[in-house]
Protein backbone atom coordinates (compact mmCIF):
# COMPACT_ATOMS: atom_id res chain seq x y z
CA UNK A 1 17.43 -15.89 -5.26
CA UNK A 2 16.19 -12.35 -4.87
CA UNK A 3 18.42 -9.56 -3.63
CA UNK A 4 16.26 -8.88 -0.55
CA UNK A 5 16.35 -12.50 0.55
CA UNK A 6 20.09 -12.57 0.06
CA UNK A 7 20.59 -9.38 2.10
CA UNK A 8 18.25 -10.52 4.95
CA UNK A 9 20.18 -13.85 5.20
CA UNK A 10 23.50 -11.92 5.44
CA UNK A 11 22.02 -9.67 8.18
CA UNK A 12 20.99 -12.64 10.28
CA UNK A 13 24.32 -14.34 9.90
CA UNK A 14 26.37 -11.23 10.93
CA UNK A 15 25.09 -10.26 14.33
CA UNK A 16 25.48 -6.58 15.44
CA UNK A 17 27.34 -7.62 18.52
CA UNK A 18 30.50 -9.55 19.23
CA UNK A 19 32.01 -10.86 22.48
CA UNK A 20 34.98 -9.17 24.17
CA UNK A 21 38.10 -11.42 24.13
CA UNK A 22 38.94 -10.39 27.72
CA UNK A 23 35.61 -10.58 29.68
CA UNK A 24 33.23 -12.27 27.09
CA UNK A 25 30.64 -9.58 27.47
CA UNK A 26 28.63 -8.52 24.34
CA UNK A 27 29.99 -5.35 22.69
CA UNK A 28 29.01 -3.59 19.44
CA UNK A 29 30.97 -4.86 16.43
CA UNK A 30 32.42 -1.32 15.76
CA UNK A 31 33.57 -0.91 19.46
CA UNK A 32 37.27 -0.18 20.02
CA UNK A 33 37.10 -0.51 23.89
CA UNK A 34 34.96 -2.78 26.03
CA UNK A 35 32.44 -1.07 28.32
CA UNK A 36 32.57 -3.83 30.92
CA UNK A 37 36.34 -4.39 31.46
CA UNK A 38 37.73 -1.19 29.75
CA UNK A 39 40.15 -3.25 27.67
CA UNK A 40 41.04 -2.23 24.09
CA UNK A 41 39.63 -4.69 21.61
CA UNK A 42 41.60 -3.30 18.72
CA UNK A 43 45.29 -4.00 17.98
CA UNK A 44 47.49 -2.47 20.72
CA UNK A 45 51.16 -1.83 21.16
CA UNK A 46 52.98 -2.30 24.44
CA UNK A 47 54.88 0.93 24.19
CA UNK A 48 58.54 1.69 24.78
CA UNK A 49 58.39 1.31 28.51
CA UNK A 50 57.28 -2.22 28.35
CA UNK A 51 59.89 -3.09 25.72
CA UNK A 52 62.58 -1.55 27.89
CA UNK A 53 61.41 -3.40 30.89
CA UNK A 54 61.52 -6.71 28.94
CA UNK A 55 65.00 -5.90 27.66
CA UNK A 56 66.09 -5.06 31.27
CA UNK A 57 64.62 -8.38 32.44
CA UNK A 58 66.51 -10.37 29.89
CA UNK A 59 69.76 -8.51 30.53
CA UNK A 60 69.34 -9.01 34.27
CA UNK A 61 68.86 -12.78 33.78
CA UNK A 62 71.95 -13.00 31.56
CA UNK A 63 74.02 -11.02 34.10
CA UNK A 64 72.71 -13.29 36.94
CA UNK A 65 73.81 -16.37 35.09
CA UNK A 66 77.19 -14.91 34.29
CA UNK A 67 77.66 -13.88 37.93
CA UNK A 68 76.76 -17.43 39.08
CA UNK A 69 79.24 -18.94 36.62
CA UNK A 70 81.95 -16.54 37.78
CA UNK A 71 81.26 -17.34 41.43
CA UNK A 72 81.42 -21.06 40.57
CA UNK A 73 84.78 -20.77 38.84
CA UNK A 74 86.18 -18.63 41.73
CA UNK A 75 84.81 -21.20 44.18
CA UNK A 76 86.42 -24.04 42.23
CA UNK A 77 89.81 -22.17 42.65
CA UNK A 78 89.17 -21.74 46.40
CA UNK A 79 88.31 -25.48 46.64
CA UNK A 80 91.58 -26.47 45.03
CA UNK A 81 93.50 -24.14 47.28
CA UNK A 82 91.79 -25.58 50.37
CA UNK A 83 92.51 -29.10 49.16
CA UNK A 84 96.30 -28.33 48.71
CA UNK A 85 96.74 -26.12 51.77
CA UNK A 86 94.75 -27.78 54.47
CA UNK A 87 95.34 -25.08 57.14
CA UNK A 88 92.39 -25.69 59.41
CA UNK A 89 90.97 -29.21 59.79
CA UNK A 90 87.46 -27.75 60.17
CA UNK A 91 87.59 -26.24 56.69
CA UNK A 92 87.33 -29.24 54.40
CA UNK A 93 86.47 -29.34 50.65
CA UNK A 94 83.03 -30.50 51.60
CA UNK A 95 82.34 -27.38 53.69
CA UNK A 96 83.72 -25.26 50.79
CA UNK A 97 81.39 -27.07 48.36
CA UNK A 98 78.43 -26.58 50.67
CA UNK A 99 79.10 -22.86 50.94
CA UNK A 100 79.73 -22.54 47.22
CA UNK A 101 76.45 -24.33 46.37
CA UNK A 102 74.59 -22.07 48.81
CA UNK A 103 76.06 -18.82 47.50
CA UNK A 104 75.51 -19.79 43.80
CA UNK A 105 71.94 -20.91 44.56
CA UNK A 106 71.12 -17.65 46.42
CA UNK A 107 72.56 -15.50 43.54
CA UNK A 108 70.77 -17.43 40.93
CA UNK A 109 67.37 -17.46 42.75
CA UNK A 110 67.50 -13.83 43.73
CA UNK A 111 68.60 -12.68 40.35
CA UNK A 112 66.04 -14.75 38.40
CA UNK A 113 63.30 -13.53 40.74
CA UNK A 114 64.22 -9.96 39.95
CA UNK A 115 64.21 -10.77 36.22
CA UNK A 116 60.76 -12.46 36.43
CA UNK A 117 59.51 -9.46 38.36
CA UNK A 118 60.70 -7.10 35.75
CA UNK A 119 59.01 -9.22 33.04
CA UNK A 120 55.72 -9.13 35.02
CA UNK A 121 56.07 -5.28 35.24
CA UNK A 122 56.43 -5.18 31.49
CA UNK A 123 53.17 -7.04 31.06
CA UNK A 124 51.46 -4.63 33.46
CA UNK A 125 52.44 -1.61 31.42
CA UNK A 126 49.34 0.12 30.06
CA UNK A 127 48.49 -0.73 26.45
CA UNK A 128 47.40 1.85 23.92
CA UNK A 129 45.80 1.39 20.44
CA UNK A 130 48.31 1.58 17.58
CA UNK A 131 46.45 4.64 16.22
CA UNK A 132 46.69 6.49 19.60
CA UNK A 133 49.25 9.26 19.37
């Protein structure tokens, strides 16, 4: 096979354009940023702000679970006290259980919603190419 035939077959196989992984538009093979969607098509780093937001989200989730466990254990102590010292007939262990479940559920749901929100904020942090200084 001659050198010119080999070179022409390579040129036809490797097209000068590639598709953007974000919007699928055709961009030059050497492009670092897509013209259509303005996303970087080279390796990017999330940056320190995104990393700190992710760390804060995980820490918040752990603290939420610990607070719910603490409230649950305090509630169990209150339940035992109500069981032993039935002062008011309207306050029964079932009422204490209902209040305890409600409070723990609210703490867990609100805390985990904040944690998920922080995680989403971390994903929205602007990305920069690794070579960007």
